[in-house]
Amino acid sequence: MSLSLHAAKALLDGGIDATSALNSALERVMLHASEEDYAELKKSFGHAMAGVLAATVDVALQAYPELKPDSDAWQEIARGCAARRACNKIE
């Protein structure tokens, strides 16, 4: 796959946004889940997040390793994407 830099950045941001959204959903689900369901739900969401990361972030970073965000940048991307999603301003 030959990605442009802009496509890789969009893929990276989208993957970070998707995993952040899944994490937020998991947090809400866990407020209402039984103790018996906790481990299975956490494992299920973990598999989903791993799949999203493999299909998005890993692909973007394979094409452009210099895009690898540090933890602060990762959180900033997640916050920005979540804010745009909340306002229906996805580009």
C-alpha atoms as a PDB file:
ATOM      1  CA  MET A   1       0.000   0.000   0.000  1.00  0.00           C
ATOM      2  CA  SER A   2       1.317   3.399  -0.952  1.00  0.00           C
ATOM      3  CA  LEU A   3      -0.177   6.082   1.277  1.00  0.00           C
ATOM      4  CA  SER A   4       0.288   9.781   0.891  1.00  0.00           C
ATOM      5  CA  LEU A   5       1.399  11.624   4.001  1.00  0.00           C
ATOM      6  CA  HIS A   6      -2.063  13.204   4.329  1.00  0.00           C
ATOM      7  CA  ALA A   7      -3.758   9.800   4.033  1.00  0.00           C
ATOM      8  CA  ALA A   8      -1.425   8.350   6.671  1.00  0.00           C
ATOM      9  CA  LYS A   9      -2.157  11.240   9.041  1.00  0.00           C
ATOM     10  CA  ALA A  10      -5.910  10.767   8.534  1.00  0.00           C
ATOM     11  CA  LEU A  11      -5.541   7.030   9.147  1.00  0.00           C
ATOM     12  CA  LEU A  12      -3.492   7.653  12.283  1.00  0.00           C
ATOM     13  CA  ASP A  13      -5.958  10.199  13.662  1.00  0.00           C
ATOM     14  CA  GLY A  14      -8.910   7.982  12.789  1.00  0.00           C
ATOM     15  CA  GLY A  15      -7.379   4.979  14.529  1.00  0.00           C
ATOM     16  CA  ILE A  16      -6.596   6.988  17.641  1.00  0.00           C
ATOM     17  CA  ASP A  17     -10.127   8.423  17.625  1.00  0.00           C
ATOM     18  CA  ALA A  18     -11.709   4.992  17.181  1.00  0.00           C
ATOM     19  CA  THR A  19      -9.741   3.396  20.008  1.00  0.00           C
ATOM     20  CA  SER A  20     -10.497   6.364  22.244  1.00  0.00           C
ATOM     21  CA  ALA A  21     -14.203   6.012  21.448  1.00  0.00           C
ATOM     22  CA  LEU A  22     -14.061   2.294  22.226  1.00  0.00           C
ATOM     23  CA  ASN A  23     -12.310   3.024  25.510  1.00  0.00           C
ATOM     24  CA  SER A  24     -14.998   5.561  26.452  1.00  0.00           C
ATOM     25  CA  ALA A  25     -17.706   3.059  25.560  1.00  0.00           C
ATOM     26  CA  LEU A  26     -16.016   0.390  27.678  1.00  0.00           C
ATOM     27  CA  GLU A  27     -15.880   2.751  30.645  1.00  0.00           C
ATOM     28  CA  ARG A  28     -19.634   3.415  30.319  1.00  0.00           C
ATOM     29  CA  VAL A  29     -20.432  -0.278  29.868  1.00  0.00           C
ATOM     30  CA  MET A  30     -18.412  -1.217  32.937  1.00  0.00           C
ATOM     31  CA  LEU A  31     -20.546   1.081  35.083  1.00  0.00           C
ATOM     32  CA  HIS A  32     -23.485  -1.215  34.420  1.00  0.00           C
ATOM     33  CA  ALA A  33     -21.832  -4.602  33.923  1.00  0.00           C
ATOM     34  CA  SER A  34     -21.796  -7.385  36.465  1.00  0.00           C
ATOM     35  CA  GLU A  35     -18.556  -8.603  37.983  1.00  0.00           C
ATOM     36  CA  GLU A  36     -19.043 -11.859  36.080  1.00  0.00           C
ATOM     37  CA  ASP A  37     -19.081 -10.003  32.765  1.00  0.00           C
ATOM     38  CA  TYR A  38     -16.153  -7.668  33.523  1.00  0.00           C
ATOM     39  CA  ALA A  39     -13.276  -9.843  32.287  1.00  0.00           C
ATOM     40  CA  GLU A  40     -15.104 -10.999  29.149  1.00  0.00           C
ATOM     41  CA  LEU A  41     -16.152  -7.465  28.199  1.00  0.00           C
ATOM     42  CA  LYS A  42     -12.677  -6.075  28.797  1.00  0.00           C
ATOM     43  CA  LYS A  43     -11.172  -8.841  26.662  1.00  0.00           C
ATOM     44  CA  SER A  44     -13.722  -8.265  23.898  1.00  0.00           C
ATOM     45  CA  PHE A  45     -13.059  -4.532  23.785  1.00  0.00           C
ATOM     46  CA  GLY A  46      -9.319  -5.185  23.898  1.00  0.00           C
ATOM     47  CA  HIS A  47      -9.571  -7.400  20.816  1.00  0.00           C
ATOM     48  CA  ALA A  48     -11.615  -4.730  19.035  1.00  0.00           C
ATOM     49  CA  MET A  49      -9.077  -2.024  19.897  1.00  0.00           C
ATOM     50  CA  ALA A  50      -6.165  -4.208  18.772  1.00  0.00           C
ATOM     51  CA  GLY A  51      -7.901  -4.803  15.446  1.00  0.00           C
ATOM     52  CA  VAL A  52      -8.521  -1.097  14.931  1.00  0.00           C
ATOM     53  CA  LEU A  53      -4.916  -0.238  15.792  1.00  0.00           C
ATOM     54  CA  ALA A  54      -3.562  -2.898  13.436  1.00  0.00           C
ATOM     55  CA  ALA A  55      -5.734  -1.683  10.561  1.00  0.00           C
ATOM     56  CA  THR A  56      -5.092   2.023  11.053  1.00  0.00           C
ATOM     57  CA  VAL A  57      -2.291   3.252  13.299  1.00  0.00           C
ATOM     58  CA  ASP A  58       0.097   0.411  12.468  1.00  0.00           C
ATOM     59  CA  VAL A  59      -0.475   0.884   8.725  1.00  0.00           C
ATOM     60  CA  ALA A  60       0.101   4.639   8.958  1.00  0.00           C
ATOM     61  CA  LEU A  61       3.270   4.215  11.023  1.00  0.00           C
ATOM     62  CA  GLN A  62       4.605   1.538   8.726  1.00  0.00           C
ATOM     63  CA  ALA A  63       4.376   4.020   5.861  1.00  0.00           C
ATOM     64  CA  TYR A  64       5.592   7.028   7.885  1.00  0.00           C
ATOM     65  CA  PRO A  65       7.408   6.023  11.106  1.00  0.00           C
ATOM     66  CA  GLU A  66       8.098   9.683  11.836  1.00  0.00           C
ATOM     67  CA  LEU A  67       4.379  10.168  12.572  1.00  0.00           C
ATOM     68  CA  LYS A  68       4.612   8.080  15.749  1.00  0.00           C
ATOM     69  CA  PRO A  69       2.989  10.239  18.440  1.00  0.00           C
ATOM     70  CA  ASP A  70       4.208  10.416  22.011  1.00  0.00           C
ATOM     71  CA  SER A  71       1.608   9.915  24.740  1.00  0.00           C
ATOM     72  CA  ASP A  72       0.834  13.644  24.982  1.00  0.00           C
ATOM     73  CA  ALA A  73       0.282  13.925  21.235  1.00  0.00           C
ATOM     74  CA  TRP A  74      -1.845  10.744  21.282  1.00  0.00           C
ATOM     75  CA  GLN A  75      -4.098  12.240  23.967  1.00  0.00           C
ATOM     76  CA  GLU A  76      -4.343  15.566  22.132  1.00  0.00           C
ATOM     77  CA  ILE A  77      -5.371  13.817  18.905  1.00  0.00           C
ATOM     78  CA  ALA A  78      -7.969  11.774  20.803  1.00  0.00           C
ATOM     79  CA  ARG A  79      -9.385  14.878  22.505  1.00  0.00           C
ATOM     80  CA  GLY A  80      -9.533  16.842  19.268  1.00  0.00           C
ATOM     81  CA  CYS A  81     -11.233  14.032  17.366  1.00  0.00           C
ATOM     82  CA  ALA A  82     -13.725  13.464  20.175  1.00  0.00           C
ATOM     83  CA  ALA A  83     -14.581  17.163  20.252  1.00  0.00           C
ATOM     84  CA  ARG A  84     -15.127  17.242  16.480  1.00  0.00           C
ATOM     85  CA  ARG A  85     -17.214  14.042  16.646  1.00  0.00           C
ATOM     86  CA  ALA A  86     -19.335  15.544  19.431  1.00  0.00           C
ATOM     87  CA  CYS A  87     -20.010  18.596  17.263  1.00  0.00           C
ATOM     88  CA  ASN A  88     -20.489  16.506  14.099  1.00  0.00           C
ATOM     89  CA  LYS A  89     -17.504  18.211  12.507  1.00  0.00           C
ATOM     90  CA  ILE A  90     -15.640  15.187  11.161  1.00  0.00           C
ATOM     91  CA  GLU A  91     -13.495  16.137   8.168  1.00  0.00           C
END
